[in-house]
Protein backbone atom coordinates (compact mmCIF):
# COMPACT_ATOMS: atom_id res chain seq x y z
CA MET A 1 -46.25 -65.67 -117.90
CA HIS A 2 -43.61 -63.15 -118.96
CA ILE A 3 -44.62 -59.77 -120.34
CA LYS A 4 -42.60 -59.68 -123.55
CA HIS A 5 -43.75 -56.30 -124.82
CA HIS A 6 -45.42 -53.66 -122.63
CA PRO A 7 -47.54 -51.03 -124.42
CA VAL A 8 -45.90 -48.18 -122.48
CA LEU A 9 -42.53 -49.55 -121.33
CA GLY A 10 -41.65 -51.38 -124.57
CA GLU A 11 -39.53 -54.53 -124.69
CA GLN A 12 -39.22 -56.05 -121.22
CA LEU A 13 -37.20 -59.24 -121.60
CA GLN A 14 -33.46 -58.82 -121.48
CA LYS A 15 -30.72 -61.43 -121.72
CA GLN A 16 -31.70 -64.87 -120.47
CA VAL A 17 -29.79 -66.25 -117.45
CA LYS A 18 -29.88 -69.51 -115.52
CA ILE A 19 -30.79 -69.57 -111.82
CA PHE A 20 -31.22 -72.53 -109.47
CA PHE A 21 -34.19 -73.11 -107.17
CA LYS A 22 -33.55 -76.01 -104.78
CA ASP A 23 -30.70 -77.03 -107.11
CA GLU A 24 -33.02 -77.26 -110.16
CA PRO A 25 -32.10 -74.98 -113.10
CA LEU A 26 -34.63 -72.35 -114.18
CA ALA A 27 -34.67 -69.72 -116.90
CA ALA A 28 -34.86 -66.06 -115.88
CA TYR A 29 -34.08 -62.70 -117.44
CA GLU A 30 -31.68 -59.93 -116.44
CA HIS A 31 -33.29 -57.06 -114.50
CA GLN A 32 -36.06 -59.39 -113.32
CA SER A 33 -36.65 -59.78 -109.59
CA VAL A 34 -36.03 -63.20 -108.08
CA ALA A 35 -39.69 -63.43 -107.01
CA ALA A 36 -40.91 -62.55 -110.53
CA ALA A 37 -38.57 -65.14 -112.07
CA LEU A 38 -39.89 -67.83 -109.72
CA MET A 39 -43.51 -66.88 -110.45
CA ALA A 40 -42.78 -67.02 -114.20
CA ASN A 41 -41.49 -70.56 -113.65
CA ASP A 42 -44.75 -71.48 -111.84
CA ILE A 43 -43.18 -71.46 -108.36
CA LYS A 44 -45.59 -69.73 -106.02
CA LYS A 45 -44.61 -71.16 -102.62
CA LEU A 46 -41.61 -69.20 -101.36
CA GLY A 47 -41.45 -70.60 -97.85
CA LEU A 48 -43.48 -71.24 -94.68
CA SER A 49 -44.88 -68.73 -92.19
CA ARG A 50 -43.21 -68.76 -88.79
CA ASN A 51 -46.33 -68.95 -86.61
CA LEU A 52 -48.91 -70.91 -88.58
CA ILE A 53 -46.47 -73.01 -90.65
CA GLN A 54 -48.46 -72.22 -93.80
CA PRO A 55 -47.14 -71.51 -97.31
CA ARG A 56 -45.94 -67.97 -98.04
CA GLY A 57 -45.92 -66.37 -101.47
CA LEU A 58 -45.47 -62.99 -103.11
CA PHE A 59 -47.68 -60.42 -101.35
CA CYS A 60 -46.76 -56.73 -101.58
CA SER A 61 -44.00 -56.90 -104.21
CA ARG A 62 -42.52 -53.66 -102.79
CA GLY A 63 -40.22 -54.89 -100.02
CA ARG A 64 -42.59 -53.90 -97.19
CA CYS A 65 -43.75 -57.30 -95.95
CA CYS A 66 -41.78 -60.46 -95.22
CA SER A 67 -43.68 -62.91 -97.43
CA CYS A 68 -41.00 -63.18 -100.11
CA TYR A 69 -38.00 -63.78 -97.82
CA MET A 70 -35.84 -66.63 -99.12
CA THR A 71 -32.26 -67.83 -98.87
CA VAL A 72 -30.27 -66.47 -101.82
CA ASN A 73 -26.65 -67.49 -102.38
CA GLY A 74 -26.38 -68.63 -98.76
CA GLU A 75 -27.82 -65.42 -97.23
CA ASP A 76 -30.99 -65.93 -95.15
CA HIS A 77 -34.05 -63.67 -95.29
CA VAL A 78 -33.41 -61.90 -98.59
CA ARG A 79 -36.35 -59.88 -99.95
CA THR A 80 -36.69 -61.60 -103.32
CA CYS A 81 -39.15 -59.02 -104.66
CA MET A 82 -36.37 -56.41 -104.42
CA THR A 83 -33.40 -58.58 -105.49
CA LYS A 84 -32.47 -58.88 -109.18
CA VAL A 85 -31.52 -62.25 -110.64
CA GLU A 86 -27.91 -62.99 -111.48
CA GLU A 87 -26.40 -65.80 -113.53
CA GLY A 88 -25.99 -68.96 -111.40
CA MET A 89 -27.90 -67.59 -108.40
CA LYS A 90 -28.88 -70.31 -105.89
CA ILE A 91 -32.27 -69.85 -104.22
CA TYR A 92 -33.87 -71.88 -101.42
CA PRO A 93 -37.15 -71.42 -99.54
CA ASN A 94 -37.07 -70.24 -95.91
CA ASP A 95 -38.96 -73.02 -94.20
CA GLU A 96 -37.75 -72.25 -90.68
CA ASP A 97 -36.21 -69.50 -88.59
CA PRO A 98 -32.54 -68.75 -89.31
CA GLU A 99 -29.86 -69.95 -86.91
CA VAL A 100 -29.00 -66.65 -85.21
CA ARG A 101 -27.12 -68.05 -82.25
CA SER A 102 -24.10 -70.10 -83.12
CA GLU A 103 -20.49 -70.56 -82.11
CA CYS A 104 -19.22 -68.20 -84.79
CA ARG A 105 -21.36 -65.40 -83.30
CA GLY A 106 -20.02 -65.79 -79.78
CA ASP A 107 -22.79 -67.92 -78.27
């Protein structure tokens, strides 16, 4: 599913790195977005919608919608279509609303 050589852009795959999706190791490439790396590894469900509790996946791929929000390295609601992979990155689906009111935030 990776584009190895693009007719206009040339070689596309850079150095291979290891990322973790739900603690399972996956192969990805430098300069690849998190969402693209997951799609290349046949992971299409990125989380659940808030209202209908239905699967969310990659939609606009430009950072305009909220379909690709996931938890990346402990940070909730990261736009994975706009975030580049890094070695050892830990990625989890957003299956519920984040905890915005807690003791550490003065609740």
